[in-house]
Protein backbone atom coordinates (compact mmCIF):
# COMPACT_ATOMS: atom_id res chain seq x y z
CA UNK A 1 94.55 109.82 102.83
CA UNK A 2 97.11 110.76 105.52
CA UNK A 3 97.76 107.83 108.08
CA UNK A 4 100.12 107.41 110.85
CA UNK A 5 102.52 104.33 110.48
CA UNK A 6 104.92 104.48 113.92
CA UNK A 7 107.05 107.12 115.22
CA UNK A 8 107.48 109.98 112.74
CA UNK A 9 106.33 107.69 109.62
CA UNK A 10 103.29 108.31 107.69
CA UNK A 11 101.76 107.57 104.24
CA UNK A 12 99.93 109.65 102.06
CA UNK A 13 98.25 108.73 98.79
CA UNK A 14 95.42 107.53 97.11
CA UNK A 15 93.82 103.78 95.82
CA UNK A 16 92.76 103.12 92.37
CA UNK A 17 90.23 100.76 91.57
CA UNK A 18 90.99 98.00 88.80
CA UNK A 19 89.85 94.71 87.88
CA UNK A 20 91.76 93.37 90.87
CA UNK A 21 90.43 95.57 93.38
CA UNK A 22 92.15 98.94 94.70
CA UNK A 23 95.46 99.52 94.23
CA UNK A 24 97.37 101.88 96.62
CA UNK A 25 99.79 104.66 95.03
CA UNK A 26 101.31 105.99 97.99
CA UNK A 27 104.19 108.54 99.17
CA UNK A 28 105.72 107.88 102.71
CA UNK A 29 106.88 110.79 104.82
CA UNK A 30 109.31 110.70 107.50
CA UNK A 31 109.03 114.15 109.53
CA UNK A 32 112.36 113.74 110.77
CA UNK A 33 112.70 116.24 113.37
CA UNK A 34 111.47 119.25 111.16
CA UNK A 35 113.50 118.42 107.98
CA UNK A 36 111.18 115.87 106.13
CA UNK A 37 112.06 112.96 104.15
CA UNK A 38 109.87 111.93 101.11
CA UNK A 39 110.11 108.61 99.63
CA UNK A 40 108.68 108.68 96.23
CA UNK A 41 106.09 111.49 95.34
CA UNK A 42 103.06 109.62 93.93
CA UNK A 43 101.49 109.60 90.39
CA UNK A 44 100.73 113.15 88.39
CA UNK A 45 97.13 111.83 87.93
CA UNK A 46 96.68 112.48 91.95
CA UNK A 47 98.83 115.67 91.81
CA UNK A 48 96.20 117.96 93.68
CA UNK A 49 95.44 115.39 96.17
CA UNK A 50 99.28 114.59 96.95
CA UNK A 51 99.96 118.31 97.15
CA UNK A 52 97.14 119.13 99.38
CA UNK A 53 97.93 115.88 101.94
CA UNK A 54 101.74 117.05 101.80
CA UNK A 55 100.72 120.62 102.75
CA UNK A 56 98.46 119.40 105.76
CA UNK A 57 100.86 116.97 107.00
CA UNK A 58 104.08 118.97 106.95
CA UNK A 59 102.73 122.51 107.36
CA UNK A 60 105.38 124.85 107.55
CA UNK A 61 108.34 122.43 107.44
CA UNK A 62 110.16 122.27 104.35
CA UNK A 63 111.10 118.81 102.93
CA UNK A 64 115.14 118.49 102.75
CA UNK A 65 114.96 115.08 100.53
CA UNK A 66 113.07 113.23 98.20
CA UNK A 67 114.53 109.47 97.84
CA UNK A 68 112.89 107.88 94.53
CA UNK A 69 112.72 104.13 94.51
CA UNK A 70 112.46 104.24 90.87
CA UNK A 71 111.48 106.94 88.31
CA UNK A 72 108.45 105.30 86.80
CA UNK A 73 105.57 107.92 87.08
CA UNK A 74 103.65 106.31 89.72
CA UNK A 75 106.55 107.00 91.90
CA UNK A 76 107.98 110.25 90.37
CA UNK A 77 105.29 111.76 88.72
CA UNK A 78 104.89 114.72 90.91
CA UNK A 79 108.37 115.83 91.03
CA UNK A 80 107.57 119.01 89.07
CA UNK A 81 105.25 120.00 91.71
CA UNK A 82 107.38 119.05 94.60
CA UNK A 83 110.34 121.05 93.19
CA UNK A 84 108.10 124.04 92.31
CA UNK A 85 106.50 123.87 95.92
CA UNK A 86 110.15 123.39 97.57
CA UNK A 87 112.66 124.42 94.95
CA UNK A 88 115.89 123.73 97.08
CA UNK A 89 114.77 119.83 97.67
CA UNK A 90 117.52 117.25 97.17
CA UNK A 91 116.65 114.02 95.13
CA UNK A 92 118.48 110.64 95.79
CA UNK A 93 118.14 108.32 92.78
CA UNK A 94 119.94 105.11 92.36
CA UNK A 95 123.10 105.19 90.06
CA UNK A 96 121.43 103.59 87.01
CA UNK A 97 118.09 106.32 87.47
CA UNK A 98 119.37 109.18 86.32
CA UNK A 99 118.98 108.82 82.49
CA UNK A 100 115.18 108.78 82.88
CA UNK A 101 113.74 111.82 81.60
CA UNK A 102 111.10 112.20 84.50
CA UNK A 103 113.69 113.40 86.48
CA UNK A 104 115.98 115.43 84.80
CA UNK A 105 114.01 118.55 83.44
CA UNK A 106 112.53 119.92 86.83
CA UNK A 107 115.77 120.26 89.05
CA UNK A 108 119.27 121.40 88.52
CA UNK A 109 121.75 118.50 88.44
CA UNK A 110 123.52 119.77 91.54
CA UNK A 111 120.57 118.71 93.42
CA UNK A 112 120.37 115.16 92.20
CA UNK A 113 122.60 112.48 93.86
CA UNK A 114 123.10 109.12 92.58
CA UNK A 115 124.05 106.32 95.11
CA UNK A 116 124.99 102.76 95.01
CA UNK A 117 123.68 99.88 97.20
CA UNK A 118 125.30 100.12 100.61
CA UNK A 119 124.96 103.83 100.76
CA UNK A 120 124.08 105.45 104.02
CA UNK A 121 123.17 109.02 104.63
CA UNK A 122 123.55 110.44 108.22
CA UNK A 123 120.81 112.38 109.92
CA UNK A 124 121.03 113.75 113.76
CA UNK A 125 118.63 110.94 114.88
CA UNK A 126 118.58 108.12 111.74
CA UNK A 127 120.72 106.78 109.29
CA UNK A 128 119.21 105.68 106.02
CA UNK A 129 120.68 103.04 104.19
CA UNK A 130 119.88 102.24 100.08
CA UNK A 131 119.84 98.57 99.42
CA UNK A 132 119.63 96.65 96.09
CA UNK A 133 116.00 95.78 94.90
CA UNK A 134 115.56 92.20 95.08
CA UNK A 135 112.16 92.71 93.26
CA UNK A 136 113.01 95.22 90.50
CA UNK A 137 110.07 96.94 88.14
CA UNK A 138 112.94 99.08 86.38
CA UNK A 139 116.73 98.48 86.42
CA UNK A 140 117.17 101.51 88.31
CA UNK A 141 115.11 100.43 91.21
CA UNK A 142 115.96 100.38 94.88
CA UNK A 143 115.05 99.81 98.14
CA UNK A 144 115.51 102.00 101.49
CA UNK A 145 115.87 101.16 105.00
CA UNK A 146 115.03 103.27 108.02
CA UNK A 147 116.30 101.59 111.18
CA UNK A 148 114.83 104.05 113.32
CA UNK A 149 111.23 103.06 112.18
CA UNK A 150 112.23 99.79 111.24
CA UNK A 151 110.72 100.62 107.87
CA UNK A 152 112.01 98.73 104.63
CA UNK A 153 110.59 100.92 101.65
CA UNK A 154 110.35 98.13 98.87
CA UNK A 155 108.93 100.32 95.95
CA UNK A 156 106.68 97.81 93.92
CA UNK A 157 107.76 94.58 95.85
CA UNK A 158 105.44 93.59 98.63
CA UNK A 159 102.43 95.18 96.70
CA UNK A 160 99.03 94.08 96.93
CA UNK A 161 95.57 94.69 95.91
CA UNK A 162 93.05 95.84 98.73
CA UNK A 163 89.32 95.00 98.97
CA UNK A 164 87.35 98.30 99.12
CA UNK A 165 86.73 97.69 103.02
CA UNK A 166 90.37 97.57 103.66
CA UNK A 167 91.51 100.81 102.07
CA UNK A 168 92.19 102.20 105.25
CA UNK A 169 93.69 99.03 106.94
CA UNK A 170 97.40 99.05 107.97
CA UNK A 171 97.98 95.32 108.60
CA UNK A 172 99.16 94.56 111.94
CA UNK A 173 97.26 91.85 113.23
CA UNK A 174 96.62 88.12 112.08
CA UNK A 175 93.02 89.06 111.10
CA UNK A 176 94.47 91.79 108.88
CA UNK A 177 97.52 89.69 107.39
CA UNK A 178 98.07 90.34 103.53
CA UNK A 179 97.33 86.74 102.25
CA UNK A 180 99.64 84.52 99.92
CA UNK A 181 97.05 84.93 97.38
CA UNK A 182 96.95 88.83 97.55
CA UNK A 183 100.81 88.73 97.07
CA UNK A 184 100.77 86.26 94.31
CA UNK A 185 97.95 88.25 92.34
CA UNK A 186 99.64 91.67 92.55
CA UNK A 187 103.20 90.27 91.75
CA UNK A 188 101.97 88.29 88.84
CA UNK A 189 100.59 91.41 87.39
CA UNK A 190 103.55 93.72 88.35
CA UNK A 191 106.43 91.34 87.70
CA UNK A 192 105.98 89.58 84.55
CA UNK A 193 109.66 88.20 84.90
CA UNK A 194 108.73 86.14 87.68
CA UNK A 195 108.12 83.23 85.41
CA UNK A 196 111.73 82.80 84.98
CA UNK A 197 113.31 83.19 88.42
CA UNK A 198 114.20 80.62 90.84
CA UNK A 199 112.06 81.03 93.92
CA UNK A 200 114.21 79.31 96.32
CA UNK A 201 117.43 81.68 95.36
CA UNK A 202 115.40 84.73 95.44
CA UNK A 203 113.70 83.56 99.02
CA UNK A 204 117.25 83.11 100.35
CA UNK A 205 118.30 86.62 99.52
CA UNK A 206 114.86 88.15 100.97
CA UNK A 207 115.44 86.13 104.32
CA UNK A 208 119.11 87.35 104.34
CA UNK A 209 118.10 91.11 103.67
CA UNK A 210 115.39 90.88 106.71
CA UNK A 211 117.72 88.93 109.22
CA UNK A 212 120.36 91.49 108.45
CA UNK A 213 118.32 94.73 109.21
CA UNK A 214 115.68 95.59 112.02
CA UNK A 215 112.36 95.34 109.74
CA UNK A 216 109.27 96.17 111.75
CA UNK A 217 107.41 97.95 109.06
CA UNK A 218 107.21 96.86 105.15
CA UNK A 219 106.58 99.82 103.32
CA UNK A 220 105.22 99.14 99.75
CA UNK A 221 104.07 101.74 97.25
CA UNK A 222 101.36 99.90 95.83
CA UNK A 223 99.98 98.52 99.25
CA UNK A 224 99.38 100.09 102.79
CA UNK A 225 102.06 99.92 104.97
CA UNK A 226 102.48 96.63 106.55
CA UNK A 227 103.35 96.84 110.44
CA UNK A 228 102.54 93.51 112.01
CA UNK A 229 103.56 89.63 111.79
CA UNK A 230 106.77 90.71 109.40
CA UNK A 231 108.07 87.17 109.71
CA UNK A 232 104.63 85.72 108.80
CA UNK A 233 104.41 88.39 105.74
CA UNK A 234 107.52 87.41 104.51
CA UNK A 235 106.88 83.92 104.62
CA UNK A 236 103.42 84.43 102.89
CA UNK A 237 105.59 86.56 99.99
CA UNK A 238 108.14 83.99 99.54
CA UNK A 239 105.28 81.36 99.02
CA UNK A 240 103.75 83.43 96.68
CA UNK A 241 106.68 83.82 94.66
CA UNK A 242 106.64 80.18 94.36
CA UNK A 243 102.83 80.32 93.58
CA UNK A 244 103.50 82.77 90.61
CA UNK A 245 106.45 80.87 89.12
CA UNK A 246 104.29 77.51 89.25
CA UNK A 247 101.56 79.10 87.38
CA UNK A 248 103.49 79.67 84.28
CA UNK A 249 104.40 75.80 84.21
């Protein structure tokens, strides 16, 4: 479904039921003054739905860029369909993502650019920054920050499972907040390595990342965009990391 988040930022995608509830598989779209930017492009399983939603949202606008948080199929599974529809689209990947086969067969190499953390791309009304993913689902994962909307696109980080009644909810109030338990449940499933981390050190780096940037929206791929109580959500996320680590001890 298409949901407006803030300014020119939208989310589209589907929710898949599993034993924990409903897991979002999202694509984010910045309309970007007529030159749209896509953040990830969804799972090939939902190809028809994703492309229909993109066509409805974009109309005649042609996306200029596709930014991939990483190359796993729920994030990059529709590159072929996107490239077929918009053959001139440019794809931005992290500097260690390019070897993955999901990216290579469908676009000329000159349309794929590798970036390192700290890279910024300038547009007339925004500057996009690529940052190191502090929670990596793959070695090639990176996060993306858009100061115009205040959105931090976090890939699998900050993901959570929804109850069926909350599938359309974009958390913005205390009553809608993602709980520590919900964060912990998702991250224990998605990030098996958390049993070996130092939660205290990771907490310092997460707080530093949020303090350094204007974060008004946390935009995970596997959870609806969070657009309220950012400090509280960060606190609950950090607590959840400790909970996950402790569960292995």
